[in-house]
């Protein structure tokens, strides 16, 4: 993967984790922060495990 993408995903994960901490302190809704964290984690796993296969012409 491109180092810029890895850095961006790390920053997104850090921000989502910070939002989760704010959610646990009841400053923002926990459901919203959990959903954001889940989407970031799933997209990161999908991006790292995606195979680069030949799709055809």
PDB file of N, CA and C in Angstrom:
ATOM      1  N   UNK A   1       0.825  -1.186   0.000  1.00  0.00           N
ATOM      2  CA  UNK A   1       0.000   0.000   0.000  1.00  0.00           C
ATOM      3  C   UNK A   1       0.867   1.247   0.000  1.00  0.00           C
ATOM      4  N   UNK A   2       0.283   2.289  -0.476  1.00  0.00           N
ATOM      5  CA  UNK A   2       0.950   3.578  -0.542  1.00  0.00           C
ATOM      6  C   UNK A   2       1.132   4.143   0.876  1.00  0.00           C
ATOM      7  N   UNK A   3       2.312   4.697   1.200  1.00  0.00           N
ATOM      8  CA  UNK A   3       2.517   5.246   2.550  1.00  0.00           C
ATOM      9  C   UNK A   3       1.550   6.384   2.891  1.00  0.00           C
ATOM     10  N   UNK A   4       1.109   7.121   1.900  1.00  0.00           N
ATOM     11  CA  UNK A   4       0.162   8.209   2.161  1.00  0.00           C
ATOM     12  C   UNK A   4      -1.180   7.633   2.614  1.00  0.00           C
ATOM     13  N   UNK A   5      -1.599   6.532   2.002  1.00  0.00           N
ATOM     14  CA  UNK A   5      -2.860   5.891   2.384  1.00  0.00           C
ATOM     15  C   UNK A   5      -2.750   5.323   3.794  1.00  0.00           C
ATOM     16  N   UNK A   6      -1.617   4.720   4.114  1.00  0.00           N
ATOM     17  CA  UNK A   6      -1.422   4.163   5.455  1.00  0.00           C
ATOM     18  C   UNK A   6      -1.455   5.277   6.500  1.00  0.00           C
ATOM     19  N   UNK A   7      -0.815   6.397   6.210  1.00  0.00           N
ATOM     20  CA  UNK A   7      -0.829   7.529   7.129  1.00  0.00           C
ATOM     21  C   UNK A   7      -2.236   8.084   7.294  1.00  0.00           C
ATOM     22  N   UNK A   8      -2.962   8.191   6.193  1.00  0.00           N
ATOM     23  CA  UNK A   8      -4.334   8.688   6.256  1.00  0.00           C
ATOM     24  C   UNK A   8      -5.244   7.778   7.051  1.00  0.00           C
ATOM     25  N   UNK A   9      -5.105   6.473   6.847  1.00  0.00           N
ATOM     26  CA  UNK A   9      -5.930   5.524   7.603  1.00  0.00           C
ATOM     27  C   UNK A   9      -5.571   5.558   9.092  1.00  0.00           C
ATOM     28  N   UNK A  10      -4.302   5.749   9.405  1.00  0.00           N
ATOM     29  CA  UNK A  10      -3.899   5.851  10.807  1.00  0.00           C
ATOM     30  C   UNK A  10      -4.503   7.093  11.454  1.00  0.00           C
ATOM     31  N   UNK A  11      -4.490   8.209  10.735  1.00  0.00           N
ATOM     32  CA  UNK A  11      -5.080   9.431  11.263  1.00  0.00           C
ATOM     33  C   UNK A  11      -6.596   9.297  11.419  1.00  0.00           C
ATOM     34  N   UNK A  12      -7.246   8.658  10.441  1.00  0.00           N
ATOM     35  CA  UNK A  12      -8.686   8.444  10.545  1.00  0.00           C
ATOM     36  C   UNK A  12      -9.024   7.541  11.734  1.00  0.00           C
ATOM     37  N   UNK A  13      -8.224   6.495  11.927  1.00  0.00           N
ATOM     38  CA  UNK A  13      -8.460   5.603  13.062  1.00  0.00           C
ATOM     39  C   UNK A  13      -8.256   6.340  14.383  1.00  0.00           C
ATOM     40  N   UNK A  14      -7.219   7.160  14.447  1.00  0.00           N
ATOM     41  CA  UNK A  14      -6.975   7.940  15.670  1.00  0.00           C
ATOM     42  C   UNK A  14      -8.117   8.899  15.964  1.00  0.00           C
ATOM     43  N   UNK A  15      -8.634   9.556  14.919  1.00  0.00           N
ATOM     44  CA  UNK A  15      -9.758  10.459  15.109  1.00  0.00           C
ATOM     45  C   UNK A  15     -11.019   9.723  15.523  1.00  0.00           C
ATOM     46  N   UNK A  16     -11.261   8.567  14.918  1.00  0.00           N
ATOM     47  CA  UNK A  16     -12.438   7.776  15.283  1.00  0.00           C
ATOM     48  C   UNK A  16     -12.313   7.249  16.713  1.00  0.00           C
ATOM     49  N   UNK A  17     -11.119   6.876  17.102  1.00  0.00           N
ATOM     50  CA  UNK A  17     -10.905   6.410  18.474  1.00  0.00           C
ATOM     51  C   UNK A  17     -11.130   7.541  19.466  1.00  0.00           C
ATOM     52  N   UNK A  18     -10.682   8.742  19.105  1.00  0.00           N
ATOM     53  CA  UNK A  18     -10.911   9.911  19.961  1.00  0.00           C
ATOM     54  C   UNK A  18     -12.401  10.204  20.090  1.00  0.00           C
ATOM     55  N   UNK A  19     -13.141  10.085  18.974  1.00  0.00           N
ATOM     56  CA  UNK A  19     -14.591  10.263  19.036  1.00  0.00           C
ATOM     57  C   UNK A  19     -15.241   9.202  19.917  1.00  0.00           C
ATOM     58  N   UNK A  20     -14.715   7.996  19.882  1.00  0.00           N
ATOM     59  CA  UNK A  20     -15.250   6.923  20.739  1.00  0.00           C
ATOM     60  C   UNK A  20     -15.021   7.257  22.214  1.00  0.00           C
ATOM     61  N   UNK A  21     -13.862   7.795  22.526  1.00  0.00           N
ATOM     62  CA  UNK A  21     -13.584   8.215  23.910  1.00  0.00           C
ATOM     63  C   UNK A  21     -14.556   9.311  24.329  1.00  0.00           C
ATOM     64  N   UNK A  22     -14.814  10.275  23.433  1.00  0.00           N
ATOM     65  CA  UNK A  22     -15.796  11.319  23.738  1.00  0.00           C
ATOM     66  C   UNK A  22     -17.190  10.725  23.912  1.00  0.00           C
ATOM     67  N   UNK A  23     -17.501   9.712  23.147  1.00  0.00           N
ATOM     68  CA  UNK A  23     -18.784   9.042  23.295  1.00  0.00           C
ATOM     69  C   UNK A  23     -18.910   8.335  24.630  1.00  0.00           C
ATOM     70  N   UNK A  24     -17.835   7.731  25.076  1.00  0.00           N
ATOM     71  CA  UNK A  24     -17.861   7.060  26.376  1.00  0.00           C
ATOM     72  C   UNK A  24     -17.976   8.060  27.528  1.00  0.00           C
ATOM     73  N   UNK A  25     -17.560   9.301  27.292  1.00  0.00           N
ATOM     74  CA  UNK A  25     -17.720  10.355  28.301  1.00  0.00           C
ATOM     75  C   UNK A  25     -19.048  11.084  28.154  1.00  0.00           C
ATOM     76  N   UNK A  26     -19.942  10.555  27.296  1.00  0.00           N
ATOM     77  CA  UNK A  26     -21.280  11.114  27.060  1.00  0.00           C
ATOM     78  C   UNK A  26     -21.245  12.543  26.510  1.00  0.00           C
ATOM     79  N   UNK A  27     -20.244  12.872  25.716  1.00  0.00           N
ATOM     80  CA  UNK A  27     -20.192  14.175  25.062  1.00  0.00           C
ATOM     81  C   UNK A  27     -20.806  14.137  23.669  1.00  0.00           C
ATOM     82  N   UNK A  28     -20.759  12.986  23.028  1.00  0.00           N
ATOM     83  CA  UNK A  28     -21.441  12.766  21.758  1.00  0.00           C
ATOM     84  C   UNK A  28     -22.143  11.411  21.861  1.00  0.00           C
ATOM     85  N   UNK A  29     -23.106  11.142  20.989  1.00  0.00           N
ATOM     86  CA  UNK A  29     -23.799   9.841  21.082  1.00  0.00           C
ATOM     87  C   UNK A  29     -22.850   8.674  20.819  1.00  0.00           C
ATOM     88  N   UNK A  30     -22.936   7.656  21.663  1.00  0.00           N
ATOM     89  CA  UNK A  30     -22.067   6.489  21.547  1.00  0.00           C
ATOM     90  C   UNK A  30     -22.369   5.726  20.268  1.00  0.00           C
ATOM     91  N   UNK A  31     -23.625   5.682  19.863  1.00  0.00           N
ATOM     92  CA  UNK A  31     -23.997   4.940  18.649  1.00  0.00           C
ATOM     93  C   UNK A  31     -23.306   5.551  17.428  1.00  0.00           C
ATOM     94  N   UNK A  32     -23.286   6.870  17.358  1.00  0.00           N
ATOM     95  CA  UNK A  32     -22.647   7.543  16.227  1.00  0.00           C
ATOM     96  C   UNK A  32     -21.144   7.294  16.223  1.00  0.00           C
ATOM     97  N   UNK A  33     -20.506   7.413  17.365  1.00  0.00           N
ATOM     98  CA  UNK A  33     -19.058   7.216  17.420  1.00  0.00           C
ATOM     99  C   UNK A  33     -18.686   5.753  17.168  1.00  0.00           C
ATOM    100  N   UNK A  34     -19.520   4.828  17.627  1.00  0.00           N
ATOM    101  CA  UNK A  34     -19.256   3.409  17.376  1.00  0.00           C
ATOM    102  C   UNK A  34     -19.386   3.079  15.896  1.00  0.00           C
ATOM    103  N   UNK A  35     -20.385   3.661  15.253  1.00  0.00           N
ATOM    104  CA  UNK A  35     -20.576   3.432  13.829  1.00  0.00           C
ATOM    105  C   UNK A  35     -19.390   3.962  13.020  1.00  0.00           C
ATOM    106  N   UNK A  36     -18.919   5.146  13.357  1.00  0.00           N
ATOM    107  CA  UNK A  36     -17.771   5.723  12.648  1.00  0.00           C
ATOM    108  C   UNK A  36     -16.535   4.850  12.845  1.00  0.00           C
ATOM    109  N   UNK A  37     -16.282   4.409  14.069  1.00  0.00           N
ATOM    110  CA  UNK A  37     -15.127   3.565  14.339  1.00  0.00           C
ATOM    111  C   UNK A  37     -15.226   2.238  13.597  1.00  0.00           C
ATOM    112  N   UNK A  38     -16.415   1.654  13.553  1.00  0.00           N
ATOM    113  CA  UNK A  38     -16.625   0.396  12.843  1.00  0.00           C
ATOM    114  C   UNK A  38     -16.341   0.551  11.353  1.00  0.00           C
ATOM    115  N   UNK A  39     -16.847   1.617  10.751  1.00  0.00           N
ATOM    116  CA  UNK A  39     -16.636   1.840   9.311  1.00  0.00           C
ATOM    117  C   UNK A  39     -15.155   2.038   9.011  1.00  0.00           C
ATOM    118  N   UNK A  40     -14.445   2.762   9.842  1.00  0.00           N
ATOM    119  CA  UNK A  40     -13.008   2.992   9.633  1.00  0.00           C
ATOM    120  C   UNK A  40     -12.238   1.672   9.743  1.00  0.00           C
ATOM    121  N   UNK A  41     -12.559   0.858  10.733  1.00  0.00           N
ATOM    122  CA  UNK A  41     -11.856  -0.417  10.905  1.00  0.00           C
ATOM    123  C   UNK A  41     -12.137  -1.356   9.738  1.00  0.00           C
ATOM    124  N   UNK A  42     -13.407  -1.460   9.328  1.00  0.00           N
ATOM    125  CA  UNK A  42     -13.757  -2.353   8.221  1.00  0.00           C
ATOM    126  C   UNK A  42     -13.108  -1.893   6.920  1.00  0.00           C
ATOM    127  N   UNK A  43     -13.115  -0.591   6.649  1.00  0.00           N
ATOM    128  CA  UNK A  43     -12.501  -0.111   5.408  1.00  0.00           C
ATOM    129  C   UNK A  43     -10.980  -0.310   5.434  1.00  0.00           C
ATOM    130  N   UNK A  44     -10.365  -0.192   6.595  1.00  0.00           N
ATOM    131  CA  UNK A  44      -8.930  -0.448   6.696  1.00  0.00           C
ATOM    132  C   UNK A  44      -8.583  -1.902   6.454  1.00  0.00           C
ATOM    133  N   UNK A  45      -9.363  -2.798   7.027  1.00  0.00           N
ATOM    134  CA  UNK A  45      -9.129  -4.235   6.815  1.00  0.00           C
ATOM    135  C   UNK A  45      -9.378  -4.599   5.359  1.00  0.00           C
ATOM    136  N   UNK A  46     -10.451  -4.064   4.783  1.00  0.00           N
ATOM    137  CA  UNK A  46     -10.750  -4.341   3.375  1.00  0.00           C
ATOM    138  C   UNK A  46      -9.628  -3.825   2.468  1.00  0.00           C
ATOM    139  N   UNK A  47      -9.124  -2.645   2.747  1.00  0.00           N
ATOM    140  CA  UNK A  47      -8.061  -2.078   1.919  1.00  0.00           C
ATOM    141  C   UNK A  47      -6.753  -2.846   2.006  1.00  0.00           C
ATOM    142  N   UNK A  48      -6.464  -3.395   3.179  1.00  0.00           N
ATOM    143  CA  UNK A  48      -5.210  -4.132   3.339  1.00  0.00           C
ATOM    144  C   UNK A  48      -5.286  -5.557   2.796  1.00  0.00           C
ATOM    145  N   UNK A  49      -6.474  -6.135   2.755  1.00  0.00           N
ATOM    146  CA  UNK A  49      -6.589  -7.526   2.318  1.00  0.00           C
ATOM    147  C   UNK A  49      -7.094  -7.680   0.891  1.00  0.00           C
ATOM    148  N   UNK A  50      -7.376  -6.586   0.216  1.00  0.00           N
ATOM    149  CA  UNK A  50      -7.909  -6.650  -1.146  1.00  0.00           C
ATOM    150  C   UNK A  50      -6.853  -7.195  -2.096  1.00  0.00           C
ATOM    151  N   UNK A  51      -7.238  -8.170  -2.880  1.00  0.00           N
ATOM    152  CA  UNK A  51      -6.325  -8.754  -3.851  1.00  0.00           C
ATOM    153  C   UNK A  51      -6.349  -7.934  -5.131  1.00  0.00           C
ATOM    154  N   UNK A  52      -5.211  -7.830  -5.752  1.00  0.00           N
ATOM    155  CA  UNK A  52      -5.132  -7.155  -7.036  1.00  0.00           C
ATOM    156  C   UNK A  52      -5.142  -8.225  -8.121  1.00  0.00           C
ATOM    157  N   UNK A  53      -6.310  -8.584  -8.566  1.00  0.00           N
ATOM    158  CA  UNK A  53      -6.450  -9.627  -9.573  1.00  0.00           C
ATOM    159  C   UNK A  53      -6.824  -9.022 -10.911  1.00  0.00           C
ATOM    160  N   UNK A  54      -6.572  -9.777 -11.944  1.00  0.00           N
ATOM    161  CA  UNK A  54      -6.899  -9.344 -13.297  1.00  0.00           C
ATOM    162  C   UNK A  54      -8.398  -9.535 -13.512  1.00  0.00           C
ATOM    163  N   UNK A  55      -9.107  -8.464 -13.832  1.00  0.00           N
ATOM    164  CA  UNK A  55     -10.560  -8.524 -13.988  1.00  0.00           C
ATOM    165  C   UNK A  55     -10.983  -8.773 -15.431  1.00  0.00           C
ATOM    166  N   UNK A  56     -10.095  -8.724 -16.349  1.00  0.00           N
ATOM    167  CA  UNK A  56     -10.449  -8.938 -17.753  1.00  0.00           C
ATOM    168  C   UNK A  56     -10.431  -7.628 -18.532  1.00  0.00           C
ATOM    169  N   UNK A  57     -10.706  -7.754 -19.784  1.00  0.00           N
ATOM    170  CA  UNK A  57     -10.674  -6.573 -20.647  1.00  0.00           C
ATOM    171  C   UNK A  57     -12.023  -5.948 -20.778  1.00  0.00           C
TER     172      UNK A  57
END
